[in-house]
Amino acid sequence: MAAFNVVQFEEKDGSSVAIVHREWLTPRKTEVFWPPHKRSASFYKCLRDGETVQSDWKLYKIKKIFYSCDDYDDAKEKEKLAEVHSDFEDTQVIRKRPRVLPLRFQNESGEEEETESQLSRPPKILNTAVGKIEWYKYYTIDLQIYIFFQL
């Protein structure tokens, strides 16, 4: 089981990224106990040794667990990666562009009524001989012109 976890704290606690020991996490892994050391050297010694939680340690909420490692040096490298990724997620929010209907589909009055009921039905087209083209008449004329120029 991994001894070190790289976590991100909640925004109210600074939203920073840090390495914590596995023993410092609560059972649900939503909070972490933090030792009250003022010097960084004593804190890192406490972290590497996996000191047990004391009654004077403060409890902080965590937002996310990025990585779990067995080695402290690996956890240190993962912490640098997590700082880069956590900054990117917090500062740049990608949103979808709002969809705008083309003008030809937008209703001029702004109301969404059915335009089909307002339009009248077009007249029925009758199939009559007036509109038909009789191709054989034109063919005979072309044939006569062809014969005329051949002679």
C-alpha atoms as a PDB file:
ATOM      1  CA  MET A   1       0.000   0.000   0.000  1.00  0.00           C
ATOM      2  CA  ALA A   2       1.263   3.477  -0.873  1.00  0.00           C
ATOM      3  CA  ALA A   3       2.834   5.415   1.954  1.00  0.00           C
ATOM      4  CA  PHE A   4       2.607   8.921   0.426  1.00  0.00           C
ATOM      5  CA  ASN A   5      -0.302  10.716  -1.224  1.00  0.00           C
ATOM      6  CA  VAL A   6      -0.255  13.912  -3.255  1.00  0.00           C
ATOM      7  CA  VAL A   7      -3.408  15.849  -2.377  1.00  0.00           C
ATOM      8  CA  GLN A   8      -5.042  19.167  -3.209  1.00  0.00           C
ATOM      9  CA  PHE A   9      -6.684  21.096  -0.388  1.00  0.00           C
ATOM     10  CA  GLU A  10     -10.054  22.876  -0.622  1.00  0.00           C
ATOM     11  CA  GLU A  11     -10.211  26.508  -1.808  1.00  0.00           C
ATOM     12  CA  LYS A  12     -10.884  27.851   1.680  1.00  0.00           C
ATOM     13  CA  ASP A  13      -7.636  26.263   2.855  1.00  0.00           C
ATOM     14  CA  GLY A  14      -5.608  27.763   0.028  1.00  0.00           C
ATOM     15  CA  SER A  15      -6.193  25.135  -2.695  1.00  0.00           C
ATOM     16  CA  SER A  16      -2.529  24.156  -2.544  1.00  0.00           C
ATOM     17  CA  VAL A  17      -0.957  20.811  -3.401  1.00  0.00           C
ATOM     18  CA  ALA A  18       1.074  18.870  -0.819  1.00  0.00           C
ATOM     19  CA  ILE A  19       2.459  15.459   0.052  1.00  0.00           C
ATOM     20  CA  VAL A  20       0.859  13.763   3.037  1.00  0.00           C
ATOM     21  CA  HIS A  21       1.485  10.434   4.690  1.00  0.00           C
ATOM     22  CA  ARG A  22      -1.085   7.677   4.298  1.00  0.00           C
ATOM     23  CA  GLU A  23      -1.614   7.528   8.071  1.00  0.00           C
ATOM     24  CA  TRP A  24      -2.689  11.185   8.162  1.00  0.00           C
ATOM     25  CA  LEU A  25      -5.770  10.657   5.968  1.00  0.00           C
ATOM     26  CA  THR A  26      -9.160  10.029   7.538  1.00  0.00           C
ATOM     27  CA  PRO A  27     -10.876   6.696   6.729  1.00  0.00           C
ATOM     28  CA  ARG A  28     -13.086   8.272   4.034  1.00  0.00           C
ATOM     29  CA  LYS A  29     -10.070  10.096   2.565  1.00  0.00           C
ATOM     30  CA  THR A  30     -11.874  13.436   2.486  1.00  0.00           C
ATOM     31  CA  GLU A  31      -9.812  15.091   5.227  1.00  0.00           C
ATOM     32  CA  VAL A  32      -6.208  15.027   6.364  1.00  0.00           C
ATOM     33  CA  PHE A  33      -4.499  15.737   9.679  1.00  0.00           C
ATOM     34  CA  TRP A  34      -1.673  18.265   9.419  1.00  0.00           C
ATOM     35  CA  PRO A  35       1.218  18.425  11.907  1.00  0.00           C
ATOM     36  CA  PRO A  36       1.833  21.777  13.648  1.00  0.00           C
ATOM     37  CA  HIS A  37       5.579  21.983  12.858  1.00  0.00           C
ATOM     38  CA  LYS A  38       6.906  25.491  12.217  1.00  0.00           C
ATOM     39  CA  ARG A  39      10.179  24.491  10.607  1.00  0.00           C
ATOM     40  CA  SER A  40      10.157  22.721   7.282  1.00  0.00           C
ATOM     41  CA  ALA A  41      12.994  20.374   8.303  1.00  0.00           C
ATOM     42  CA  SER A  42      10.996  19.000  11.230  1.00  0.00           C
ATOM     43  CA  PHE A  43       7.896  18.692   9.030  1.00  0.00           C
ATOM     44  CA  TYR A  44       9.754  16.681   6.355  1.00  0.00           C
ATOM     45  CA  LYS A  45      11.265  14.423   9.018  1.00  0.00           C
ATOM     46  CA  CYS A  46       7.771  13.839  10.389  1.00  0.00           C
ATOM     47  CA  LEU A  47       6.495  13.128   6.870  1.00  0.00           C
ATOM     48  CA  ARG A  48       9.252  10.664   5.943  1.00  0.00           C
ATOM     49  CA  ASP A  49       9.031   8.809   9.252  1.00  0.00           C
ATOM     50  CA  GLY A  50       5.231   8.579   9.078  1.00  0.00           C
ATOM     51  CA  GLU A  51       4.648   9.990  12.544  1.00  0.00           C
ATOM     52  CA  THR A  52       1.320   9.001  14.077  1.00  0.00           C
ATOM     53  CA  VAL A  53      -1.447  11.579  14.401  1.00  0.00           C
ATOM     54  CA  GLN A  54      -1.394  13.602  17.634  1.00  0.00           C
ATOM     55  CA  SER A  55      -4.269  15.408  19.329  1.00  0.00           C
ATOM     56  CA  ASP A  56      -2.872  18.882  18.517  1.00  0.00           C
ATOM     57  CA  TRP A  57      -2.871  18.308  14.717  1.00  0.00           C
ATOM     58  CA  LYS A  58      -5.338  20.345  12.643  1.00  0.00           C
ATOM     59  CA  LEU A  59      -7.855  18.724  10.328  1.00  0.00           C
ATOM     60  CA  TYR A  60      -8.142  20.064   6.754  1.00  0.00           C
ATOM     61  CA  LYS A  61     -10.534  19.083   3.960  1.00  0.00           C
ATOM     62  CA  ILE A  62      -9.031  17.828   0.730  1.00  0.00           C
ATOM     63  CA  LYS A  63     -10.468  18.339  -2.715  1.00  0.00           C
ATOM     64  CA  LYS A  64      -8.655  15.623  -4.614  1.00  0.00           C
ATOM     65  CA  ILE A  65      -6.023  12.915  -4.263  1.00  0.00           C
ATOM     66  CA  PHE A  66      -3.780  13.111  -7.327  1.00  0.00           C
ATOM     67  CA  TYR A  67      -1.262  10.307  -6.803  1.00  0.00           C
ATOM     68  CA  SER A  68      -0.218   7.606  -4.356  1.00  0.00           C
ATOM     69  CA  CYS A  69       3.447   6.527  -4.149  1.00  0.00           C
ATOM     70  CA  ASP A  70       5.627   4.279  -2.016  1.00  0.00           C
ATOM     71  CA  ASP A  71       8.751   6.406  -2.386  1.00  0.00           C
ATOM     72  CA  TYR A  72       9.086   9.998  -1.126  1.00  0.00           C
ATOM     73  CA  ASP A  73      11.183  11.078  -4.135  1.00  0.00           C
ATOM     74  CA  ASP A  74       8.513   9.813  -6.539  1.00  0.00           C
ATOM     75  CA  ALA A  75       5.875  11.667  -4.539  1.00  0.00           C
ATOM     76  CA  LYS A  76       7.952  14.861  -4.807  1.00  0.00           C
ATOM     77  CA  GLU A  77       8.011  14.555  -8.619  1.00  0.00           C
ATOM     78  CA  LYS A  78       4.288  13.829  -8.704  1.00  0.00           C
ATOM     79  CA  GLU A  79       3.668  16.902  -6.539  1.00  0.00           C
ATOM     80  CA  LYS A  80       5.282  19.108  -9.199  1.00  0.00           C
ATOM     81  CA  LEU A  81       3.067  17.547 -11.875  1.00  0.00           C
ATOM     82  CA  ALA A  82      -0.028  17.991  -9.732  1.00  0.00           C
ATOM     83  CA  GLU A  83       0.738  21.681  -9.199  1.00  0.00           C
ATOM     84  CA  VAL A  84       0.806  22.200 -12.953  1.00  0.00           C
ATOM     85  CA  HIS A  85      -2.413  20.264 -13.532  1.00  0.00           C
ATOM     86  CA  SER A  86      -4.317  21.802 -10.639  1.00  0.00           C
ATOM     87  CA  ASP A  87      -3.464  25.344 -11.796  1.00  0.00           C
ATOM     88  CA  PHE A  88      -4.650  24.538 -15.306  1.00  0.00           C
ATOM     89  CA  GLU A  89      -7.990  23.182 -14.115  1.00  0.00           C
ATOM     90  CA  ASP A  90      -8.664  26.122 -11.822  1.00  0.00           C
ATOM     91  CA  THR A  91      -7.732  28.969 -14.151  1.00  0.00           C
ATOM     92  CA  GLN A  92      -8.993  27.834 -17.530  1.00  0.00           C
ATOM     93  CA  VAL A  93     -12.595  26.767 -17.833  1.00  0.00           C
ATOM     94  CA  ILE A  94     -13.586  25.608 -21.288  1.00  0.00           C
ATOM     95  CA  ARG A  95     -17.184  26.332 -22.147  1.00  0.00           C
ATOM     96  CA  LYS A  96     -19.227  25.426 -25.142  1.00  0.00           C
ATOM     97  CA  ARG A  97     -20.149  28.190 -27.518  1.00  0.00           C
ATOM     98  CA  PRO A  98     -23.827  29.130 -27.352  1.00  0.00           C
ATOM     99  CA  ARG A  99     -25.755  27.862 -30.337  1.00  0.00           C
ATOM    100  CA  VAL A 100     -27.351  30.573 -32.484  1.00  0.00           C
ATOM    101  CA  LEU A 101     -29.994  29.741 -35.044  1.00  0.00           C
ATOM    102  CA  PRO A 102     -29.407  31.014 -38.589  1.00  0.00           C
ATOM    103  CA  LEU A 103     -31.534  34.005 -39.537  1.00  0.00           C
ATOM    104  CA  ARG A 104     -33.572  31.988 -42.032  1.00  0.00           C
ATOM    105  CA  PHE A 105     -34.854  29.831 -39.162  1.00  0.00           C
ATOM    106  CA  GLN A 106     -35.539  32.633 -36.711  1.00  0.00           C
ATOM    107  CA  ASN A 107     -39.106  33.871 -36.399  1.00  0.00           C
ATOM    108  CA  GLU A 108     -39.414  37.601 -37.137  1.00  0.00           C
ATOM    109  CA  SER A 109     -42.031  38.245 -34.482  1.00  0.00           C
ATOM    110  CA  GLY A 110     -40.050  36.412 -31.851  1.00  0.00           C
ATOM    111  CA  GLU A 111     -42.972  34.125 -31.096  1.00  0.00           C
ATOM    112  CA  GLU A 112     -42.834  30.441 -31.752  1.00  0.00           C
ATOM    113  CA  GLU A 113     -46.025  29.783 -33.653  1.00  0.00           C
ATOM    114  CA  GLU A 114     -46.656  27.229 -36.315  1.00  0.00           C
ATOM    115  CA  THR A 115     -46.314  28.971 -39.662  1.00  0.00           C
ATOM    116  CA  GLU A 116     -47.813  26.008 -41.497  1.00  0.00           C
ATOM    117  CA  SER A 117     -51.294  26.821 -40.208  1.00  0.00           C
ATOM    118  CA  GLN A 118     -51.006  30.450 -41.401  1.00  0.00           C
ATOM    119  CA  LEU A 119     -49.998  29.634 -44.991  1.00  0.00           C
ATOM    120  CA  SER A 120     -52.598  28.632 -47.569  1.00  0.00           C
ATOM    121  CA  ARG A 121     -52.251  25.440 -49.522  1.00  0.00           C
ATOM    122  CA  PRO A 122     -50.847  25.854 -53.056  1.00  0.00           C
ATOM    123  CA  PRO A 123     -53.178  25.087 -55.974  1.00  0.00           C
ATOM    124  CA  LYS A 124     -53.181  21.622 -57.476  1.00  0.00           C
ATOM    125  CA  ILE A 125     -51.325  21.288 -60.795  1.00  0.00           C
ATOM    126  CA  LEU A 126     -53.498  19.773 -63.478  1.00  0.00           C
ATOM    127  CA  ASN A 127     -51.931  17.417 -65.997  1.00  0.00           C
ATOM    128  CA  THR A 128     -53.091  18.790 -69.359  1.00  0.00           C
ATOM    129  CA  ALA A 129     -51.853  18.465 -72.939  1.00  0.00           C
ATOM    130  CA  VAL A 130     -51.172  22.209 -73.129  1.00  0.00           C
ATOM    131  CA  GLY A 131     -47.996  21.998 -71.084  1.00  0.00           C
ATOM    132  CA  LYS A 132     -46.587  18.918 -72.836  1.00  0.00           C
ATOM    133  CA  ILE A 133     -43.840  19.109 -75.447  1.00  0.00           C
ATOM    134  CA  GLU A 134     -44.388  16.943 -78.454  1.00  0.00           C
ATOM    135  CA  TRP A 135     -40.887  15.866 -79.342  1.00  0.00           C
ATOM    136  CA  TYR A 136     -41.714  14.165 -82.623  1.00  0.00           C
ATOM    137  CA  LYS A 137     -42.684  17.505 -84.254  1.00  0.00           C
ATOM    138  CA  TYR A 138     -39.262  18.983 -83.523  1.00  0.00           C
ATOM    139  CA  TYR A 139     -37.522  15.838 -84.619  1.00  0.00           C
ATOM    140  CA  THR A 140     -39.174  15.932 -88.024  1.00  0.00           C
ATOM    141  CA  ILE A 141     -38.209  19.584 -88.509  1.00  0.00           C
ATOM    142  CA  ASP A 142     -34.577  18.834 -87.642  1.00  0.00           C
ATOM    143  CA  LEU A 143     -34.599  15.898 -90.040  1.00  0.00           C
ATOM    144  CA  GLN A 144     -35.924  18.058 -92.878  1.00  0.00           C
ATOM    145  CA  ILE A 145     -33.230  20.696 -92.268  1.00  0.00           C
ATOM    146  CA  TYR A 146     -30.552  18.000 -92.238  1.00  0.00           C
ATOM    147  CA  ILE A 147     -31.753  16.542 -95.530  1.00  0.00           C
ATOM    148  CA  PHE A 148     -31.945  20.014 -97.078  1.00  0.00           C
ATOM    149  CA  PHE A 149     -28.326  20.828 -96.282  1.00  0.00           C
ATOM    150  CA  GLN A 150     -27.091  17.429 -97.435  1.00  0.00           C
ATOM    151  CA  LEU A 151     -28.293  17.917-100.950  1.00  0.00           C
END
